[in-house]
């Protein structure tokens, strides 16, 4: 999935083109595999912004986790 993350971060290719480049027959299969391995959908990386660095992606994941925990009533100091 490193190539997929690179393409998502560094290009404006649509998901169906990225899936095809990675030899997935269907975009939905690519999305499921990506989500299973990375814990987020490829669209969530793409929505971070075109050309976003991996550090920004990591920050995005941390913020997502904090948001999920706060909605469960878990104080951020406990994370």
PDB file of N, CA and C in Angstrom:
ATOM      1  N   UNK A   1       0.810  -1.201   0.000  1.00  0.00           N
ATOM      2  CA  UNK A   1       0.000   0.000   0.000  1.00  0.00           C
ATOM      3  C   UNK A   1       0.857   1.270   0.000  1.00  0.00           C
ATOM      4  N   UNK A   2       2.146   1.122   0.086  1.00  0.00           N
ATOM      5  CA  UNK A   2       3.010   2.304   0.055  1.00  0.00           C
ATOM      6  C   UNK A   2       2.861   3.071  -1.257  1.00  0.00           C
ATOM      7  N   UNK A   3       2.752   2.329  -2.358  1.00  0.00           N
ATOM      8  CA  UNK A   3       2.582   2.987  -3.662  1.00  0.00           C
ATOM      9  C   UNK A   3       1.240   3.701  -3.706  1.00  0.00           C
ATOM     10  N   UNK A   4       0.211   3.070  -3.172  1.00  0.00           N
ATOM     11  CA  UNK A   4      -1.115   3.693  -3.148  1.00  0.00           C
ATOM     12  C   UNK A   4      -1.073   4.985  -2.347  1.00  0.00           C
ATOM     13  N   UNK A   5      -0.437   4.962  -1.168  1.00  0.00           N
ATOM     14  CA  UNK A   5      -0.347   6.173  -0.340  1.00  0.00           C
ATOM     15  C   UNK A   5       0.421   7.261  -1.074  1.00  0.00           C
ATOM     16  N   UNK A   6       1.493   6.869  -1.758  1.00  0.00           N
ATOM     17  CA  UNK A   6       2.278   7.852  -2.507  1.00  0.00           C
ATOM     18  C   UNK A   6       1.442   8.487  -3.616  1.00  0.00           C
ATOM     19  N   UNK A   7       0.705   7.668  -4.346  1.00  0.00           N
ATOM     20  CA  UNK A   7      -0.137   8.198  -5.421  1.00  0.00           C
ATOM     21  C   UNK A   7      -1.236   9.105  -4.872  1.00  0.00           C
ATOM     22  N   UNK A   8      -1.806   8.728  -3.740  1.00  0.00           N
ATOM     23  CA  UNK A   8      -2.848   9.562  -3.131  1.00  0.00           C
ATOM     24  C   UNK A   8      -2.297  10.906  -2.674  1.00  0.00           C
ATOM     25  N   UNK A   9      -1.092  10.887  -2.113  1.00  0.00           N
ATOM     26  CA  UNK A   9      -0.496  12.097  -1.572  1.00  0.00           C
ATOM     27  C   UNK A   9       0.067  13.020  -2.644  1.00  0.00           C
ATOM     28  N   UNK A  10       0.635  12.440  -3.697  1.00  0.00           N
ATOM     29  CA  UNK A  10       1.417  13.232  -4.643  1.00  0.00           C
ATOM     30  C   UNK A  10       0.748  13.488  -5.979  1.00  0.00           C
ATOM     31  N   UNK A  11      -0.404  12.874  -6.219  1.00  0.00           N
ATOM     32  CA  UNK A  11      -1.071  13.079  -7.504  1.00  0.00           C
ATOM     33  C   UNK A  11      -2.534  13.439  -7.283  1.00  0.00           C
ATOM     34  N   UNK A  12      -3.166  13.830  -8.345  1.00  0.00           N
ATOM     35  CA  UNK A  12      -4.599  14.125  -8.300  1.00  0.00           C
ATOM     36  C   UNK A  12      -5.386  13.019  -9.012  1.00  0.00           C
ATOM     37  N   UNK A  13      -4.772  11.832  -9.121  1.00  0.00           N
ATOM     38  CA  UNK A  13      -5.450  10.725  -9.797  1.00  0.00           C
ATOM     39  C   UNK A  13      -6.697  10.304  -9.033  1.00  0.00           C
ATOM     40  N   UNK A  14      -7.775  10.009  -9.749  1.00  0.00           N
ATOM     41  CA  UNK A  14      -8.968   9.490  -9.081  1.00  0.00           C
ATOM     42  C   UNK A  14      -8.709   8.075  -8.563  1.00  0.00           C
ATOM     43  N   UNK A  15      -9.496   7.653  -7.586  1.00  0.00           N
ATOM     44  CA  UNK A  15      -9.308   6.335  -6.975  1.00  0.00           C
ATOM     45  C   UNK A  15      -9.379   5.201  -7.995  1.00  0.00           C
ATOM     46  N   UNK A  16     -10.265   5.319  -8.973  1.00  0.00           N
ATOM     47  CA  UNK A  16     -10.373   4.229  -9.948  1.00  0.00           C
ATOM     48  C   UNK A  16      -9.094   4.080 -10.771  1.00  0.00           C
ATOM     49  N   UNK A  17      -8.398   5.180 -11.054  1.00  0.00           N
ATOM     50  CA  UNK A  17      -7.121   5.105 -11.782  1.00  0.00           C
ATOM     51  C   UNK A  17      -6.028   4.503 -10.905  1.00  0.00           C
ATOM     52  N   UNK A  18      -6.018   4.873  -9.633  1.00  0.00           N
ATOM     53  CA  UNK A  18      -5.026   4.306  -8.705  1.00  0.00           C
ATOM     54  C   UNK A  18      -5.268   2.811  -8.543  1.00  0.00           C
ATOM     55  N   UNK A  19      -6.520   2.421  -8.393  1.00  0.00           N
ATOM     56  CA  UNK A  19      -6.855   0.997  -8.270  1.00  0.00           C
ATOM     57  C   UNK A  19      -6.403   0.233  -9.510  1.00  0.00           C
ATOM     58  N   UNK A  20      -6.628   0.800 -10.682  1.00  0.00           N
ATOM     59  CA  UNK A  20      -6.227   0.145 -11.925  1.00  0.00           C
ATOM     60  C   UNK A  20      -4.701   0.027 -12.021  1.00  0.00           C
ATOM     61  N   UNK A  21      -3.983   1.075 -11.633  1.00  0.00           N
ATOM     62  CA  UNK A  21      -2.509   1.039 -11.650  1.00  0.00           C
ATOM     63  C   UNK A  21      -1.969  -0.051 -10.735  1.00  0.00           C
ATOM     64  N   UNK A  22      -2.697  -0.336  -9.653  1.00  0.00           N
ATOM     65  CA  UNK A  22      -2.281  -1.359  -8.697  1.00  0.00           C
ATOM     66  C   UNK A  22      -2.883  -2.726  -9.027  1.00  0.00           C
ATOM     67  N   UNK A  23      -3.501  -2.817 -10.200  1.00  0.00           N
ATOM     68  CA  UNK A  23      -4.049  -4.051 -10.761  1.00  0.00           C
ATOM     69  C   UNK A  23      -5.232  -4.619  -9.983  1.00  0.00           C
ATOM     70  N   UNK A  24      -6.026  -3.741  -9.384  1.00  0.00           N
ATOM     71  CA  UNK A  24      -7.294  -4.173  -8.791  1.00  0.00           C
ATOM     72  C   UNK A  24      -8.345  -4.148  -9.886  1.00  0.00           C
ATOM     73  N   UNK A  25      -9.129  -5.212  -9.979  1.00  0.00           N
ATOM     74  CA  UNK A  25     -10.173  -5.297 -11.004  1.00  0.00           C
ATOM     75  C   UNK A  25     -11.293  -4.307 -10.726  1.00  0.00           C
ATOM     76  N   UNK A  26     -11.551  -4.030  -9.450  1.00  0.00           N
ATOM     77  CA  UNK A  26     -12.632  -3.132  -9.062  1.00  0.00           C
ATOM     78  C   UNK A  26     -12.132  -2.138  -8.016  1.00  0.00           C
ATOM     79  N   UNK A  27     -12.551  -0.905  -8.136  1.00  0.00           N
ATOM     80  CA  UNK A  27     -12.166   0.137  -7.180  1.00  0.00           C
ATOM     81  C   UNK A  27     -12.611  -0.228  -5.775  1.00  0.00           C
ATOM     82  N   UNK A  28     -13.776  -0.845  -5.660  1.00  0.00           N
ATOM     83  CA  UNK A  28     -14.282  -1.208  -4.336  1.00  0.00           C
ATOM     84  C   UNK A  28     -13.357  -2.207  -3.642  1.00  0.00           C
ATOM     85  N   UNK A  29     -12.753  -3.114  -4.400  1.00  0.00           N
ATOM     86  CA  UNK A  29     -11.816  -4.079  -3.817  1.00  0.00           C
ATOM     87  C   UNK A  29     -10.566  -3.361  -3.304  1.00  0.00           C
ATOM     88  N   UNK A  30     -10.099  -2.371  -4.047  1.00  0.00           N
ATOM     89  CA  UNK A  30      -8.951  -1.569  -3.611  1.00  0.00           C
ATOM     90  C   UNK A  30      -9.284  -0.828  -2.318  1.00  0.00           C
ATOM     91  N   UNK A  31     -10.451  -0.211  -2.256  1.00  0.00           N
ATOM     92  CA  UNK A  31     -10.852   0.553  -1.068  1.00  0.00           C
ATOM     93  C   UNK A  31     -10.932  -0.363   0.149  1.00  0.00           C
ATOM     94  N   UNK A  32     -11.537  -1.545  -0.014  1.00  0.00           N
ATOM     95  CA  UNK A  32     -11.634  -2.489   1.111  1.00  0.00           C
ATOM     96  C   UNK A  32     -10.261  -2.937   1.590  1.00  0.00           C
ATOM     97  N   UNK A  33      -9.371  -3.273   0.653  1.00  0.00           N
ATOM     98  CA  UNK A  33      -8.023  -3.727   1.021  1.00  0.00           C
ATOM     99  C   UNK A  33      -7.247  -2.607   1.711  1.00  0.00           C
ATOM    100  N   UNK A  34      -7.366  -1.399   1.193  1.00  0.00           N
ATOM    101  CA  UNK A  34      -6.664  -0.257   1.779  1.00  0.00           C
ATOM    102  C   UNK A  34      -7.159  -0.024   3.206  1.00  0.00           C
ATOM    103  N   UNK A  35      -8.468  -0.027   3.392  1.00  0.00           N
ATOM    104  CA  UNK A  35      -9.048   0.211   4.717  1.00  0.00           C
ATOM    105  C   UNK A  35      -8.621  -0.874   5.703  1.00  0.00           C
ATOM    106  N   UNK A  36      -8.577  -2.120   5.240  1.00  0.00           N
ATOM    107  CA  UNK A  36      -8.186  -3.228   6.114  1.00  0.00           C
ATOM    108  C   UNK A  36      -6.728  -3.077   6.563  1.00  0.00           C
ATOM    109  N   UNK A  37      -5.844  -2.687   5.656  1.00  0.00           N
ATOM    110  CA  UNK A  37      -4.420  -2.578   5.982  1.00  0.00           C
ATOM    111  C   UNK A  37      -4.047  -1.279   6.683  1.00  0.00           C
ATOM    112  N   UNK A  38      -4.704  -0.186   6.330  1.00  0.00           N
ATOM    113  CA  UNK A  38      -4.311   1.128   6.838  1.00  0.00           C
ATOM    114  C   UNK A  38      -5.224   1.663   7.941  1.00  0.00           C
ATOM    115  N   UNK A  39      -6.402   1.101   8.064  1.00  0.00           N
ATOM    116  CA  UNK A  39      -7.322   1.562   9.092  1.00  0.00           C
ATOM    117  C   UNK A  39      -8.160   2.765   8.706  1.00  0.00           C
ATOM    118  N   UNK A  40      -7.930   3.298   7.529  1.00  0.00           N
ATOM    119  CA  UNK A  40      -8.706   4.426   6.993  1.00  0.00           C
ATOM    120  C   UNK A  40      -8.944   4.169   5.512  1.00  0.00           C
ATOM    121  N   UNK A  41      -9.926   4.841   4.954  1.00  0.00           N
ATOM    122  CA  UNK A  41     -10.177   4.694   3.528  1.00  0.00           C
ATOM    123  C   UNK A  41      -9.205   5.558   2.737  1.00  0.00           C
ATOM    124  N   UNK A  42      -8.949   5.196   1.489  1.00  0.00           N
ATOM    125  CA  UNK A  42      -8.063   6.031   0.677  1.00  0.00           C
ATOM    126  C   UNK A  42      -8.637   7.435   0.467  1.00  0.00           C
ATOM    127  N   UNK A  43      -9.942   7.554   0.485  1.00  0.00           N
ATOM    128  CA  UNK A  43     -10.564   8.872   0.346  1.00  0.00           C
ATOM    129  C   UNK A  43     -10.221   9.795   1.499  1.00  0.00           C
ATOM    130  N   UNK A  44      -9.995   9.234   2.676  1.00  0.00           N
ATOM    131  CA  UNK A  44      -9.651  10.080   3.820  1.00  0.00           C
ATOM    132  C   UNK A  44      -8.256  10.663   3.678  1.00  0.00           C
ATOM    133  N   UNK A  45      -7.373   9.947   3.025  1.00  0.00           N
ATOM    134  CA  UNK A  45      -6.036  10.497   2.762  1.00  0.00           C
ATOM    135  C   UNK A  45      -6.142  11.577   1.709  1.00  0.00           C
ATOM    136  N   UNK A  46      -6.878  11.282   0.657  1.00  0.00           N
ATOM    137  CA  UNK A  46      -7.060  12.227  -0.429  1.00  0.00           C
ATOM    138  C   UNK A  46      -7.732  13.502   0.076  1.00  0.00           C
ATOM    139  N   UNK A  47      -8.653  13.363   1.025  1.00  0.00           N
ATOM    140  CA  UNK A  47      -9.375  14.530   1.525  1.00  0.00           C
ATOM    141  C   UNK A  47      -8.509  15.399   2.428  1.00  0.00           C
ATOM    142  N   UNK A  48      -7.347  14.878   2.844  1.00  0.00           N
ATOM    143  CA  UNK A  48      -6.415  15.692   3.636  1.00  0.00           C
ATOM    144  C   UNK A  48      -5.841  16.813   2.785  1.00  0.00           C
ATOM    145  N   UNK A  49      -5.885  16.653   1.497  1.00  0.00           N
ATOM    146  CA  UNK A  49      -5.385  17.684   0.605  1.00  0.00           C
ATOM    147  C   UNK A  49      -4.373  17.118  -0.364  1.00  0.00           C
ATOM    148  N   UNK A  50      -4.459  17.569  -1.591  1.00  0.00           N
ATOM    149  CA  UNK A  50      -3.557  17.108  -2.627  1.00  0.00           C
ATOM    150  C   UNK A  50      -2.127  17.477  -2.267  1.00  0.00           C
ATOM    151  N   UNK A  51      -1.224  16.526  -2.399  1.00  0.00           N
ATOM    152  CA  UNK A  51       0.171  16.779  -2.111  1.00  0.00           C
ATOM    153  C   UNK A  51       0.508  16.794  -0.637  1.00  0.00           C
ATOM    154  N   UNK A  52      -0.405  16.328   0.199  1.00  0.00           N
ATOM    155  CA  UNK A  52      -0.180  16.318   1.636  1.00  0.00           C
ATOM    156  C   UNK A  52       0.944  15.345   1.974  1.00  0.00           C
ATOM    157  N   UNK A  53       1.842  15.756   2.846  1.00  0.00           N
ATOM    158  CA  UNK A  53       2.939  14.883   3.233  1.00  0.00           C
ATOM    159  C   UNK A  53       2.446  13.796   4.167  1.00  0.00           C
ATOM    160  N   UNK A  54       3.243  12.758   4.315  1.00  0.00           N
ATOM    161  CA  UNK A  54       2.864  11.650   5.191  1.00  0.00           C
ATOM    162  C   UNK A  54       2.757  12.109   6.640  1.00  0.00           C
ATOM    163  N   UNK A  55       3.547  13.097   7.039  1.00  0.00           N
ATOM    164  CA  UNK A  55       3.437  13.622   8.402  1.00  0.00           C
ATOM    165  C   UNK A  55       2.068  14.251   8.634  1.00  0.00           C
ATOM    166  N   UNK A  56       1.553  14.951   7.637  1.00  0.00           N
ATOM    167  CA  UNK A  56       0.213  15.509   7.760  1.00  0.00           C
ATOM    168  C   UNK A  56      -0.825  14.400   7.846  1.00  0.00           C
ATOM    169  N   UNK A  57      -0.591  13.324   7.101  1.00  0.00           N
ATOM    170  CA  UNK A  57      -1.487  12.172   7.148  1.00  0.00           C
ATOM    171  C   UNK A  57      -1.484  11.568   8.552  1.00  0.00           C
ATOM    172  N   UNK A  58      -0.291  11.420   9.146  1.00  0.00           N
ATOM    173  CA  UNK A  58      -0.191  10.877  10.502  1.00  0.00           C
ATOM    174  C   UNK A  58      -0.917  11.785  11.493  1.00  0.00           C
ATOM    175  N   UNK A  59      -0.753  13.082  11.330  1.00  0.00           N
ATOM    176  CA  UNK A  59      -1.451  14.036  12.191  1.00  0.00           C
ATOM    177  C   UNK A  59      -2.964  13.895  12.024  1.00  0.00           C
ATOM    178  N   UNK A  60      -3.404  13.717  10.796  1.00  0.00           N
ATOM    179  CA  UNK A  60      -4.822  13.514  10.508  1.00  0.00           C
ATOM    180  C   UNK A  60      -5.346  12.281  11.242  1.00  0.00           C
ATOM    181  N   UNK A  61      -4.551  11.188  11.226  1.00  0.00           N
ATOM    182  CA  UNK A  61      -4.972   9.969  11.911  1.00  0.00           C
ATOM    183  C   UNK A  61      -5.062  10.184  13.413  1.00  0.00           C
ATOM    184  N   UNK A  62      -4.090  10.883  13.983  1.00  0.00           N
ATOM    185  CA  UNK A  62      -4.112  11.154  15.420  1.00  0.00           C
ATOM    186  C   UNK A  62      -5.323  11.993  15.805  1.00  0.00           C
ATOM    187  N   UNK A  63      -5.626  12.990  14.989  1.00  0.00           N
ATOM    188  CA  UNK A  63      -6.796  13.831  15.267  1.00  0.00           C
ATOM    189  C   UNK A  63      -8.080  13.019  15.164  1.00  0.00           C
ATOM    190  N   UNK A  64      -8.134  12.115  14.188  1.00  0.00           N
ATOM    191  CA  UNK A  64      -9.316  11.266  14.027  1.00  0.00           C
ATOM    192  C   UNK A  64      -9.504  10.400  15.256  1.00  0.00           C
ATOM    193  N   UNK A  65      -8.408   9.841  15.769  1.00  0.00           N
ATOM    194  CA  UNK A  65      -8.478   8.997  16.964  1.00  0.00           C
ATOM    195  C   UNK A  65      -8.937   9.820  18.162  1.00  0.00           C
ATOM    196  N   UNK A  66      -8.397  11.025  18.303  1.00  0.00           N
ATOM    197  CA  UNK A  66      -8.784  11.883  19.424  1.00  0.00           C
ATOM    198  C   UNK A  66     -10.264  12.239  19.347  1.00  0.00           C
ATOM    199  N   UNK A  67     -10.749  12.497  18.147  1.00  0.00           N
ATOM    200  CA  UNK A  67     -12.164  12.835  17.959  1.00  0.00           C
ATOM    201  C   UNK A  67     -13.044  11.648  18.328  1.00  0.00           C
ATOM    202  N   UNK A  68     -12.647  10.441  17.905  1.00  0.00           N
ATOM    203  CA  UNK A  68     -13.418   9.243  18.230  1.00  0.00           C
ATOM    204  C   UNK A  68     -13.441   9.026  19.737  1.00  0.00           C
ATOM    205  N   UNK A  69     -12.290   9.195  20.392  1.00  0.00           N
ATOM    206  CA  UNK A  69     -12.220   8.982  21.833  1.00  0.00           C
ATOM    207  C   UNK A  69     -13.027  10.027  22.597  1.00  0.00           C
ATOM    208  N   UNK A  70     -12.973  11.284  22.160  1.00  0.00           N
ATOM    209  CA  UNK A  70     -13.720  12.318  22.869  1.00  0.00           C
ATOM    210  C   UNK A  70     -15.221  12.104  22.725  1.00  0.00           C
ATOM    211  N   UNK A  71     -15.640  11.537  21.596  1.00  0.00           N
ATOM    212  CA  UNK A  71     -17.065  11.259  21.429  1.00  0.00           C
ATOM    213  C   UNK A  71     -17.502  10.100  22.307  1.00  0.00           C
ATOM    214  N   UNK A  72     -16.535   9.308  22.806  1.00  0.00           N
ATOM    215  CA  UNK A  72     -16.841   8.203  23.714  1.00  0.00           C
ATOM    216  C   UNK A  72     -16.702   8.643  25.172  1.00  0.00           C
ATOM    217  N   UNK A  73     -16.365   9.911  25.391  1.00  0.00           N
ATOM    218  CA  UNK A  73     -16.239  10.422  26.740  1.00  0.00           C
ATOM    219  C   UNK A  73     -14.879  10.155  27.376  1.00  0.00           C
ATOM    220  N   UNK A  74     -13.887   9.809  26.549  1.00  0.00           N
ATOM    221  CA  UNK A  74     -12.550   9.547  27.064  1.00  0.00           C
ATOM    222  C   UNK A  74     -11.743  10.831  27.015  1.00  0.00           C
ATOM    223  N   UNK A  75     -11.258  11.321  28.147  1.00  0.00           N
ATOM    224  CA  UNK A  75     -10.452  12.552  28.145  1.00  0.00           C
ATOM    225  C   UNK A  75      -9.164  12.350  27.334  1.00  0.00           C
ATOM    226  N   UNK A  76      -8.722  13.392  26.657  1.00  0.00           N
ATOM    227  CA  UNK A  76      -7.531  13.288  25.820  1.00  0.00           C
ATOM    228  C   UNK A  76      -6.293  13.008  26.649  1.00  0.00           C
ATOM    229  N   UNK A  77      -6.272  13.348  27.937  1.00  0.00           N
ATOM    230  CA  UNK A  77      -5.112  13.098  28.780  1.00  0.00           C
ATOM    231  C   UNK A  77      -4.915  11.602  29.050  1.00  0.00           C
ATOM    232  N   UNK A  78      -5.934  10.793  28.824  1.00  0.00           N
ATOM    233  CA  UNK A  78      -5.854   9.358  29.075  1.00  0.00           C
ATOM    234  C   UNK A  78      -5.363   8.600  27.840  1.00  0.00           C
ATOM    235  N   UNK A  79      -5.500   9.184  26.673  1.00  0.00           N
ATOM    236  CA  UNK A  79      -5.114   8.512  25.437  1.00  0.00           C
ATOM    237  C   UNK A  79      -3.725   8.108  25.494  1.00  0.00           C
TER     238      UNK A  79
END
